[in-house]
Amino acid sequence: MALAVLFAIGCYHLGWWQYHRHEAKSERNERLDAHYLTAPVPLGSVLTPAGLDPDDEWTRVKVNGTYGSGPVLVRNRTLDGDAGYEALWALDPAGGGPSVVVDRGWVARSDAGAAVLPDVSPAPTGAVSVIGWLRAGERARGAVGAGGELASLNLAAAAGELSRTVLPAYVLLDTEVLPDGSTPLRPTPLGSPDRSLGPHLAYAYQWWLTMAVGFFLIWFGIRRELRAENPERYPPKPKKTRIWDEEDG
């Protein structure tokens, strides 16, 4: 019985784990609905050195400045099923203050193999107006690789490689415009964010329904033992026999 109770408890918590994942994706979609296609707002009105409000993630922002150091490449990033990198630069705002990390897009792996970094379209020199979406950084995953490769888009690690003090969120580039109105070359845009909710809600219900399985197996095992110990009290069910009739002829 204790094993059945432990099994039920495990299923209960696994169900809630899947349900929380479903909730997180639902909240992400709500933020996308609220911010993704809105007019851009000044970066400083949403993001400060104190941090980014989670409800403000995916806010469309605008910042003027000059690209400083970069690129730093984040490895193991996929686009349309192909593996590659995301390219980061530090943008120094025109009004001064900490730099903001800008993810300018995706770059395919080098044809020479993973040991060789790919060529990346350079960031423009001089003043540039950047519009993009605010994103929270990722947790650190492993050490920084050779040549400044990052295992994740961790802002502390990126700041070290870019030799900048950076704001606590980054900008996923939408467009960048030069003073003459032209748009410079850039890595491949990452495209629209994934809005799928996935199977997490169905998995949650499955785990919760599975809570009773352990108790059923115990009941089935006890019933089987009782039949084996006392076959007269628990006789086996008689097999059904089919009666022959004229239609069988």
C-alpha atoms as a PDB file:
ATOM      1  CA  MET A   1       0.000   0.000   0.000  1.00  0.00           C
ATOM      2  CA  ALA A   2       2.843   2.396   0.810  1.00  0.00           C
ATOM      3  CA  LEU A   3       4.217   1.947  -2.717  1.00  0.00           C
ATOM      4  CA  ALA A   4       0.793   2.792  -4.185  1.00  0.00           C
ATOM      5  CA  VAL A   5       0.620   5.945  -2.065  1.00  0.00           C
ATOM      6  CA  LEU A   6       4.124   7.013  -3.133  1.00  0.00           C
ATOM      7  CA  PHE A   7       3.244   6.301  -6.772  1.00  0.00           C
ATOM      8  CA  ALA A   8       0.075   8.413  -6.487  1.00  0.00           C
ATOM      9  CA  ILE A   9       2.003  11.275  -4.879  1.00  0.00           C
ATOM     10  CA  GLY A  10       4.585  11.141  -7.661  1.00  0.00           C
ATOM     11  CA  CYS A  11       1.864  11.223 -10.329  1.00  0.00           C
ATOM     12  CA  TYR A  12       0.188  14.144  -8.554  1.00  0.00           C
ATOM     13  CA  HIS A  13       3.350  16.254  -8.586  1.00  0.00           C
ATOM     14  CA  LEU A  14       4.238  15.285 -12.166  1.00  0.00           C
ATOM     15  CA  GLY A  15       0.750  16.360 -13.208  1.00  0.00           C
ATOM     16  CA  TRP A  16       1.221  19.766 -11.585  1.00  0.00           C
ATOM     17  CA  TRP A  17       4.660  20.097 -13.181  1.00  0.00           C
ATOM     18  CA  GLN A  18       3.108  19.620 -16.628  1.00  0.00           C
ATOM     19  CA  TYR A  19       0.240  21.963 -15.738  1.00  0.00           C
ATOM     20  CA  HIS A  20       2.666  24.717 -14.704  1.00  0.00           C
ATOM     21  CA  ARG A  21       4.467  24.331 -18.039  1.00  0.00           C
ATOM     22  CA  HIS A  22       1.115  24.778 -19.774  1.00  0.00           C
ATOM     23  CA  GLU A  23       0.433  27.892 -17.693  1.00  0.00           C
ATOM     24  CA  ALA A  24       3.860  29.354 -18.534  1.00  0.00           C
ATOM     25  CA  LYS A  25       3.194  28.993 -22.267  1.00  0.00           C
ATOM     26  CA  SER A  26      -0.284  30.477 -21.878  1.00  0.00           C
ATOM     27  CA  GLU A  27       1.192  33.483 -20.078  1.00  0.00           C
ATOM     28  CA  ARG A  28       3.809  33.833 -22.825  1.00  0.00           C
ATOM     29  CA  ASN A  29       1.056  33.980 -25.436  1.00  0.00           C
ATOM     30  CA  GLU A  30      -0.779  36.614 -23.401  1.00  0.00           C
ATOM     31  CA  ARG A  31       2.359  38.759 -23.367  1.00  0.00           C
ATOM     32  CA  LEU A  32       2.769  38.267 -27.111  1.00  0.00           C
ATOM     33  CA  ASP A  33      -0.841  39.340 -27.672  1.00  0.00           C
ATOM     34  CA  ALA A  34      -0.276  42.440 -25.543  1.00  0.00           C
ATOM     35  CA  HIS A  35       3.104  43.575 -26.930  1.00  0.00           C
ATOM     36  CA  TYR A  36       4.346  41.867 -30.082  1.00  0.00           C
ATOM     37  CA  LEU A  37       2.689  44.006 -32.762  1.00  0.00           C
ATOM     38  CA  THR A  38       2.386  47.274 -30.838  1.00  0.00           C
ATOM     39  CA  ALA A  39       4.196  50.505 -31.667  1.00  0.00           C
ATOM     40  CA  PRO A  40       7.718  50.591 -30.168  1.00  0.00           C
ATOM     41  CA  VAL A  41       8.317  52.520 -26.932  1.00  0.00           C
ATOM     42  CA  PRO A  42      11.623  54.002 -25.734  1.00  0.00           C
ATOM     43  CA  LEU A  43      13.865  51.332 -24.215  1.00  0.00           C
ATOM     44  CA  GLY A  44      14.388  53.323 -21.017  1.00  0.00           C
ATOM     45  CA  SER A  45      10.643  53.466 -20.317  1.00  0.00           C
ATOM     46  CA  VAL A  46      10.534  49.685 -19.844  1.00  0.00           C
ATOM     47  CA  LEU A  47      14.045  48.477 -19.025  1.00  0.00           C
ATOM     48  CA  THR A  48      16.331  49.948 -16.355  1.00  0.00           C
ATOM     49  CA  PRO A  49      19.422  48.608 -14.573  1.00  0.00           C
ATOM     50  CA  ALA A  50      17.042  47.520 -11.786  1.00  0.00           C
ATOM     51  CA  GLY A  51      15.545  44.829 -14.001  1.00  0.00           C
ATOM     52  CA  LEU A  52      12.712  43.865 -16.344  1.00  0.00           C
ATOM     53  CA  ASP A  53       9.161  43.259 -15.134  1.00  0.00           C
ATOM     54  CA  PRO A  54       8.160  39.785 -16.398  1.00  0.00           C
ATOM     55  CA  ASP A  55       4.905  41.250 -17.722  1.00  0.00           C
ATOM     56  CA  ASP A  56       6.941  43.557 -19.974  1.00  0.00           C
ATOM     57  CA  GLU A  57       8.769  40.774 -21.803  1.00  0.00           C
ATOM     58  CA  TRP A  58       8.184  40.912 -25.569  1.00  0.00           C
ATOM     59  CA  THR A  59       7.555  44.657 -25.384  1.00  0.00           C
ATOM     60  CA  ARG A  60       8.544  46.265 -28.675  1.00  0.00           C
ATOM     61  CA  VAL A  61      11.166  48.936 -27.957  1.00  0.00           C
ATOM     62  CA  LYS A  62      13.266  51.501 -29.808  1.00  0.00           C
ATOM     63  CA  VAL A  63      16.787  52.640 -28.918  1.00  0.00           C
ATOM     64  CA  ASN A  64      19.289  54.855 -30.725  1.00  0.00           C
ATOM     65  CA  GLY A  65      22.988  54.257 -30.275  1.00  0.00           C
ATOM     66  CA  THR A  66      26.197  52.881 -31.694  1.00  0.00           C
ATOM     67  CA  TYR A  67      27.260  49.255 -31.883  1.00  0.00           C
ATOM     68  CA  GLY A  68      30.364  48.567 -29.846  1.00  0.00           C
ATOM     69  CA  SER A  69      31.922  45.151 -29.348  1.00  0.00           C
ATOM     70  CA  GLY A  70      30.718  41.989 -31.030  1.00  0.00           C
ATOM     71  CA  PRO A  71      29.842  39.595 -32.326  1.00  0.00           C
ATOM     72  CA  VAL A  72      29.589  36.930 -29.632  1.00  0.00           C
ATOM     73  CA  LEU A  73      27.989  33.715 -30.897  1.00  0.00           C
ATOM     74  CA  VAL A  74      25.499  31.558 -29.009  1.00  0.00           C
ATOM     75  CA  ARG A  75      25.931  27.991 -30.238  1.00  0.00           C
ATOM     76  CA  ASN A  76      23.410  25.182 -30.801  1.00  0.00           C
ATOM     77  CA  ARG A  77      20.581  27.433 -32.012  1.00  0.00           C
ATOM     78  CA  THR A  78      18.244  26.104 -34.679  1.00  0.00           C
ATOM     79  CA  LEU A  79      16.256  27.817 -37.407  1.00  0.00           C
ATOM     80  CA  ASP A  80      13.924  25.812 -39.633  1.00  0.00           C
ATOM     81  CA  GLY A  81      15.637  22.635 -38.450  1.00  0.00           C
ATOM     82  CA  ASP A  82      19.184  23.789 -39.249  1.00  0.00           C
ATOM     83  CA  ALA A  83      21.805  24.170 -36.513  1.00  0.00           C
ATOM     84  CA  GLY A  84      23.771  27.370 -36.171  1.00  0.00           C
ATOM     85  CA  TYR A  85      24.409  30.362 -33.941  1.00  0.00           C
ATOM     86  CA  GLU A  86      22.750  33.555 -32.769  1.00  0.00           C
ATOM     87  CA  ALA A  87      24.945  36.648 -33.075  1.00  0.00           C
ATOM     88  CA  LEU A  88      25.091  39.196 -30.239  1.00  0.00           C
ATOM     89  CA  TRP A  89      26.432  42.742 -30.187  1.00  0.00           C
ATOM     90  CA  ALA A  90      26.616  45.411 -27.493  1.00  0.00           C
ATOM     91  CA  LEU A  91      24.727  48.586 -28.409  1.00  0.00           C
ATOM     92  CA  ASP A  92      25.850  51.722 -26.546  1.00  0.00           C
ATOM     93  CA  PRO A  93      22.796  53.997 -26.140  1.00  0.00           C
ATOM     94  CA  ALA A  94      23.112  57.535 -27.450  1.00  0.00           C
ATOM     95  CA  GLY A  95      22.181  58.978 -24.049  1.00  0.00           C
ATOM     96  CA  GLY A  96      24.870  57.051 -22.205  1.00  0.00           C
ATOM     97  CA  GLY A  97      24.472  54.403 -19.519  1.00  0.00           C
ATOM     98  CA  PRO A  98      24.865  50.617 -19.647  1.00  0.00           C
ATOM     99  CA  SER A  99      24.939  48.896 -23.024  1.00  0.00           C
ATOM    100  CA  VAL A 100      22.112  46.692 -24.214  1.00  0.00           C
ATOM    101  CA  VAL A 101      22.780  43.313 -25.801  1.00  0.00           C
ATOM    102  CA  VAL A 102      21.185  43.029 -29.243  1.00  0.00           C
ATOM    103  CA  ASP A 103      20.528  39.647 -30.838  1.00  0.00           C
ATOM    104  CA  ARG A 104      20.866  40.518 -34.522  1.00  0.00           C
ATOM    105  CA  GLY A 105      19.834  37.097 -35.830  1.00  0.00           C
ATOM    106  CA  TRP A 106      20.915  33.612 -36.844  1.00  0.00           C
ATOM    107  CA  VAL A 107      24.022  32.401 -38.666  1.00  0.00           C
ATOM    108  CA  ALA A 108      24.479  28.928 -40.161  1.00  0.00           C
ATOM    109  CA  ARG A 109      27.411  26.762 -39.110  1.00  0.00           C
ATOM    110  CA  SER A 110      30.584  26.983 -41.130  1.00  0.00           C
ATOM    111  CA  ASP A 111      31.022  24.474 -43.951  1.00  0.00           C
ATOM    112  CA  ALA A 112      34.488  23.813 -42.498  1.00  0.00           C
ATOM    113  CA  GLY A 113      32.958  22.186 -39.394  1.00  0.00           C
ATOM    114  CA  ALA A 114      32.022  23.081 -35.837  1.00  0.00           C
ATOM    115  CA  ALA A 115      35.622  23.954 -34.932  1.00  0.00           C
ATOM    116  CA  VAL A 116      35.546  26.925 -37.340  1.00  0.00           C
ATOM    117  CA  LEU A 117      33.330  29.910 -36.570  1.00  0.00           C
ATOM    118  CA  PRO A 118      31.132  31.120 -39.446  1.00  0.00           C
ATOM    119  CA  ASP A 119      31.433  34.484 -41.130  1.00  0.00           C
ATOM    120  CA  VAL A 120      28.964  37.012 -39.708  1.00  0.00           C
ATOM    121  CA  SER A 121      27.632  40.153 -41.361  1.00  0.00           C
ATOM    122  CA  PRO A 122      29.259  43.048 -39.470  1.00  0.00           C
ATOM    123  CA  ALA A 123      27.207  45.505 -37.462  1.00  0.00           C
ATOM    124  CA  PRO A 124      26.979  49.002 -38.934  1.00  0.00           C
ATOM    125  CA  THR A 125      29.402  51.643 -37.761  1.00  0.00           C
ATOM    126  CA  GLY A 126      28.141  54.970 -36.521  1.00  0.00           C
ATOM    127  CA  ALA A 127      24.659  55.889 -35.341  1.00  0.00           C
ATOM    128  CA  VAL A 128      21.833  53.385 -35.785  1.00  0.00           C
ATOM    129  CA  SER A 129      18.199  53.224 -34.726  1.00  0.00           C
ATOM    130  CA  VAL A 130      17.230  49.778 -33.432  1.00  0.00           C
ATOM    131  CA  ILE A 131      13.713  48.408 -32.997  1.00  0.00           C
ATOM    132  CA  GLY A 132      13.179  45.008 -31.415  1.00  0.00           C
ATOM    133  CA  TRP A 133      11.563  42.982 -28.655  1.00  0.00           C
ATOM    134  CA  LEU A 134      12.727  42.823 -25.062  1.00  0.00           C
ATOM    135  CA  ARG A 135      13.639  39.335 -23.891  1.00  0.00           C
ATOM    136  CA  ALA A 136      14.856  37.993 -20.584  1.00  0.00           C
ATOM    137  CA  GLY A 137      18.264  36.327 -20.587  1.00  0.00           C
ATOM    138  CA  GLU A 138      18.777  32.608 -20.148  1.00  0.00           C
ATOM    139  CA  ARG A 139      20.440  30.581 -17.427  1.00  0.00           C
ATOM    140  CA  ALA A 140      24.118  29.783 -17.827  1.00  0.00           C
ATOM    141  CA  ARG A 141      24.801  26.367 -19.361  1.00  0.00           C
ATOM    142  CA  GLY A 142      28.415  25.336 -19.231  1.00  0.00           C
ATOM    143  CA  ALA A 143      31.596  27.284 -19.745  1.00  0.00           C
ATOM    144  CA  VAL A 144      32.312  29.800 -22.476  1.00  0.00           C
ATOM    145  CA  GLY A 145      33.785  28.056 -25.496  1.00  0.00           C
ATOM    146  CA  ALA A 146      36.762  28.946 -27.628  1.00  0.00           C
ATOM    147  CA  GLY A 147      36.532  32.230 -29.476  1.00  0.00           C
ATOM    148  CA  GLY A 148      33.815  33.602 -27.216  1.00  0.00           C
ATOM    149  CA  GLU A 149      31.094  31.070 -28.013  1.00  0.00           C
ATOM    150  CA  LEU A 150      28.300  30.911 -25.429  1.00  0.00           C
ATOM    151  CA  ALA A 151      26.311  27.802 -24.556  1.00  0.00           C
ATOM    152  CA  SER A 152      23.222  29.924 -23.811  1.00  0.00           C
ATOM    153  CA  LEU A 153      22.106  33.511 -24.092  1.00  0.00           C
ATOM    154  CA  ASN A 154      23.225  34.284 -20.562  1.00  0.00           C
ATOM    155  CA  LEU A 155      23.661  38.032 -20.149  1.00  0.00           C
ATOM    156  CA  ALA A 156      26.387  37.830 -17.490  1.00  0.00           C
ATOM    157  CA  ALA A 157      28.487  35.615 -19.756  1.00  0.00           C
ATOM    158  CA  ALA A 158      27.724  37.830 -22.752  1.00  0.00           C
ATOM    159  CA  ALA A 159      28.761  40.939 -20.808  1.00  0.00           C
ATOM    160  CA  GLY A 160      32.107  39.324 -20.026  1.00  0.00           C
ATOM    161  CA  GLU A 161      32.759  38.478 -23.666  1.00  0.00           C
ATOM    162  CA  LEU A 162      31.580  41.877 -24.891  1.00  0.00           C
ATOM    163  CA  SER A 163      33.594  43.719 -22.213  1.00  0.00           C
ATOM    164  CA  ARG A 164      30.574  45.844 -21.343  1.00  0.00           C
ATOM    165  CA  THR A 165      28.258  46.518 -18.436  1.00  0.00           C
ATOM    166  CA  VAL A 166      24.900  45.505 -19.888  1.00  0.00           C
ATOM    167  CA  LEU A 167      21.250  45.958 -19.005  1.00  0.00           C
ATOM    168  CA  PRO A 168      19.427  42.943 -17.451  1.00  0.00           C
ATOM    169  CA  ALA A 169      17.508  42.025 -20.635  1.00  0.00           C
ATOM    170  CA  TYR A 170      18.368  41.908 -24.310  1.00  0.00           C
ATOM    171  CA  VAL A 171      16.739  43.144 -27.524  1.00  0.00           C
ATOM    172  CA  LEU A 172      15.785  40.653 -30.212  1.00  0.00           C
ATOM    173  CA  LEU A 173      16.269  42.673 -33.380  1.00  0.00           C
ATOM    174  CA  ASP A 174      13.319  43.488 -35.603  1.00  0.00           C
ATOM    175  CA  THR A 175      14.721  46.328 -37.738  1.00  0.00           C
ATOM    176  CA  GLU A 176      17.683  48.693 -37.682  1.00  0.00           C
ATOM    177  CA  VAL A 177      17.899  51.911 -39.691  1.00  0.00           C
ATOM    178  CA  LEU A 178      20.863  54.151 -40.469  1.00  0.00           C
ATOM    179  CA  PRO A 179      20.617  57.987 -40.450  1.00  0.00           C
ATOM    180  CA  ASP A 180      20.225  58.023 -44.249  1.00  0.00           C
ATOM    181  CA  GLY A 181      17.201  55.698 -43.992  1.00  0.00           C
ATOM    182  CA  SER A 182      18.966  52.597 -45.319  1.00  0.00           C
ATOM    183  CA  THR A 183      19.002  49.207 -43.617  1.00  0.00           C
ATOM    184  CA  PRO A 184      22.343  47.415 -43.232  1.00  0.00           C
ATOM    185  CA  LEU A 185      23.027  43.758 -43.900  1.00  0.00           C
ATOM    186  CA  ARG A 186      22.347  41.527 -40.928  1.00  0.00           C
ATOM    187  CA  PRO A 187      22.218  37.843 -39.966  1.00  0.00           C
ATOM    188  CA  THR A 188      19.054  35.907 -40.816  1.00  0.00           C
ATOM    189  CA  PRO A 189      16.044  37.099 -38.762  1.00  0.00           C
ATOM    190  CA  LEU A 190      14.772  34.520 -36.298  1.00  0.00           C
ATOM    191  CA  GLY A 191      11.147  34.785 -37.380  1.00  0.00           C
ATOM    192  CA  SER A 192       7.977  34.829 -35.298  1.00  0.00           C
ATOM    193  CA  PRO A 193       8.010  33.213 -31.847  1.00  0.00           C
ATOM    194  CA  ASP A 194       6.483  29.804 -31.266  1.00  0.00           C
ATOM    195  CA  ARG A 195       2.939  30.171 -29.908  1.00  0.00           C
ATOM    196  CA  SER A 196       2.057  26.491 -29.536  1.00  0.00           C
ATOM    197  CA  LEU A 197       0.878  25.324 -26.122  1.00  0.00           C
ATOM    198  CA  GLY A 198       2.179  21.807 -26.588  1.00  0.00           C
ATOM    199  CA  PRO A 199       0.721  18.658 -24.988  1.00  0.00           C
ATOM    200  CA  HIS A 200       1.409  19.696 -21.381  1.00  0.00           C
ATOM    201  CA  LEU A 201      -2.241  20.036 -20.323  1.00  0.00           C
ATOM    202  CA  ALA A 202      -3.105  16.593 -21.718  1.00  0.00           C
ATOM    203  CA  TYR A 203      -0.053  15.128 -19.959  1.00  0.00           C
ATOM    204  CA  ALA A 204      -1.165  16.722 -16.677  1.00  0.00           C
ATOM    205  CA  TYR A 205      -4.582  15.039 -16.882  1.00  0.00           C
ATOM    206  CA  GLN A 206      -2.936  11.739 -17.800  1.00  0.00           C
ATOM    207  CA  TRP A 207      -0.689  11.847 -14.734  1.00  0.00           C
ATOM    208  CA  TRP A 208      -3.605  12.668 -12.447  1.00  0.00           C
ATOM    209  CA  LEU A 209      -5.728   9.854 -13.898  1.00  0.00           C
ATOM    210  CA  THR A 210      -2.785   7.480 -13.458  1.00  0.00           C
ATOM    211  CA  MET A 211      -2.793   8.108  -9.682  1.00  0.00           C
ATOM    212  CA  ALA A 212      -5.355   5.306  -9.234  1.00  0.00           C
ATOM    213  CA  VAL A 213      -3.319   2.691 -11.131  1.00  0.00           C
ATOM    214  CA  GLY A 214      -1.190   1.715  -8.116  1.00  0.00           C
ATOM    215  CA  PHE A 215      -4.256   1.089  -5.930  1.00  0.00           C
ATOM    216  CA  PHE A 216      -5.913  -0.944  -8.709  1.00  0.00           C
ATOM    217  CA  LEU A 217      -2.839  -3.156  -9.084  1.00  0.00           C
ATOM    218  CA  ILE A 218      -2.736  -3.763  -5.327  1.00  0.00           C
ATOM    219  CA  TRP A 219      -6.454  -4.662  -5.297  1.00  0.00           C
ATOM    220  CA  PHE A 220      -5.935  -6.982  -8.273  1.00  0.00           C
ATOM    221  CA  GLY A 221      -2.937  -8.662  -6.599  1.00  0.00           C
ATOM    222  CA  ILE A 222      -4.783  -9.171  -3.298  1.00  0.00           C
ATOM    223  CA  ARG A 223      -7.787 -10.622  -5.111  1.00  0.00           C
ATOM    224  CA  ARG A 224      -5.553 -13.026  -7.011  1.00  0.00           C
ATOM    225  CA  GLU A 225      -3.842 -14.209  -3.815  1.00  0.00           C
ATOM    226  CA  LEU A 226      -7.182 -14.757  -2.093  1.00  0.00           C
ATOM    227  CA  ARG A 227      -8.386 -16.886  -4.987  1.00  0.00           C
ATOM    228  CA  ALA A 228      -5.215 -18.966  -4.879  1.00  0.00           C
ATOM    229  CA  GLU A 229      -5.526 -19.498  -1.093  1.00  0.00           C
ATOM    230  CA  ASN A 230      -9.264 -20.261  -1.074  1.00  0.00           C
ATOM    231  CA  PRO A 231     -10.437 -21.491  -4.509  1.00  0.00           C
ATOM    232  CA  GLU A 232     -13.771 -22.770  -3.078  1.00  0.00           C
ATOM    233  CA  ARG A 233     -14.783 -19.325  -1.844  1.00  0.00           C
ATOM    234  CA  TYR A 234     -13.583 -17.606  -5.009  1.00  0.00           C
ATOM    235  CA  PRO A 235     -14.335 -20.094  -7.802  1.00  0.00           C
ATOM    236  CA  PRO A 236     -13.262 -19.140 -11.309  1.00  0.00           C
ATOM    237  CA  LYS A 237     -15.945 -17.819 -13.590  1.00  0.00           C
ATOM    238  CA  PRO A 238     -17.398 -20.537 -15.824  1.00  0.00           C
ATOM    239  CA  LYS A 239     -16.488 -20.293 -19.442  1.00  0.00           C
ATOM    240  CA  LYS A 240     -19.323 -19.461 -21.778  1.00  0.00           C
ATOM    241  CA  THR A 241     -20.266 -22.244 -24.204  1.00  0.00           C
ATOM    242  CA  ARG A 242     -22.063 -21.620 -27.450  1.00  0.00           C
ATOM    243  CA  ILE A 243     -25.205 -23.679 -27.986  1.00  0.00           C
ATOM    244  CA  TRP A 244     -25.568 -25.233 -31.429  1.00  0.00           C
ATOM    245  CA  ASP A 245     -28.757 -24.438 -33.253  1.00  0.00           C
ATOM    246  CA  GLU A 246     -30.215 -24.971 -36.655  1.00  0.00           C
ATOM    247  CA  GLU A 247     -28.639 -21.799 -38.030  1.00  0.00           C
ATOM    248  CA  ASP A 248     -25.204 -23.404 -37.608  1.00  0.00           C
ATOM    249  CA  GLY A 249     -26.166 -26.174 -39.960  1.00  0.00           C
END
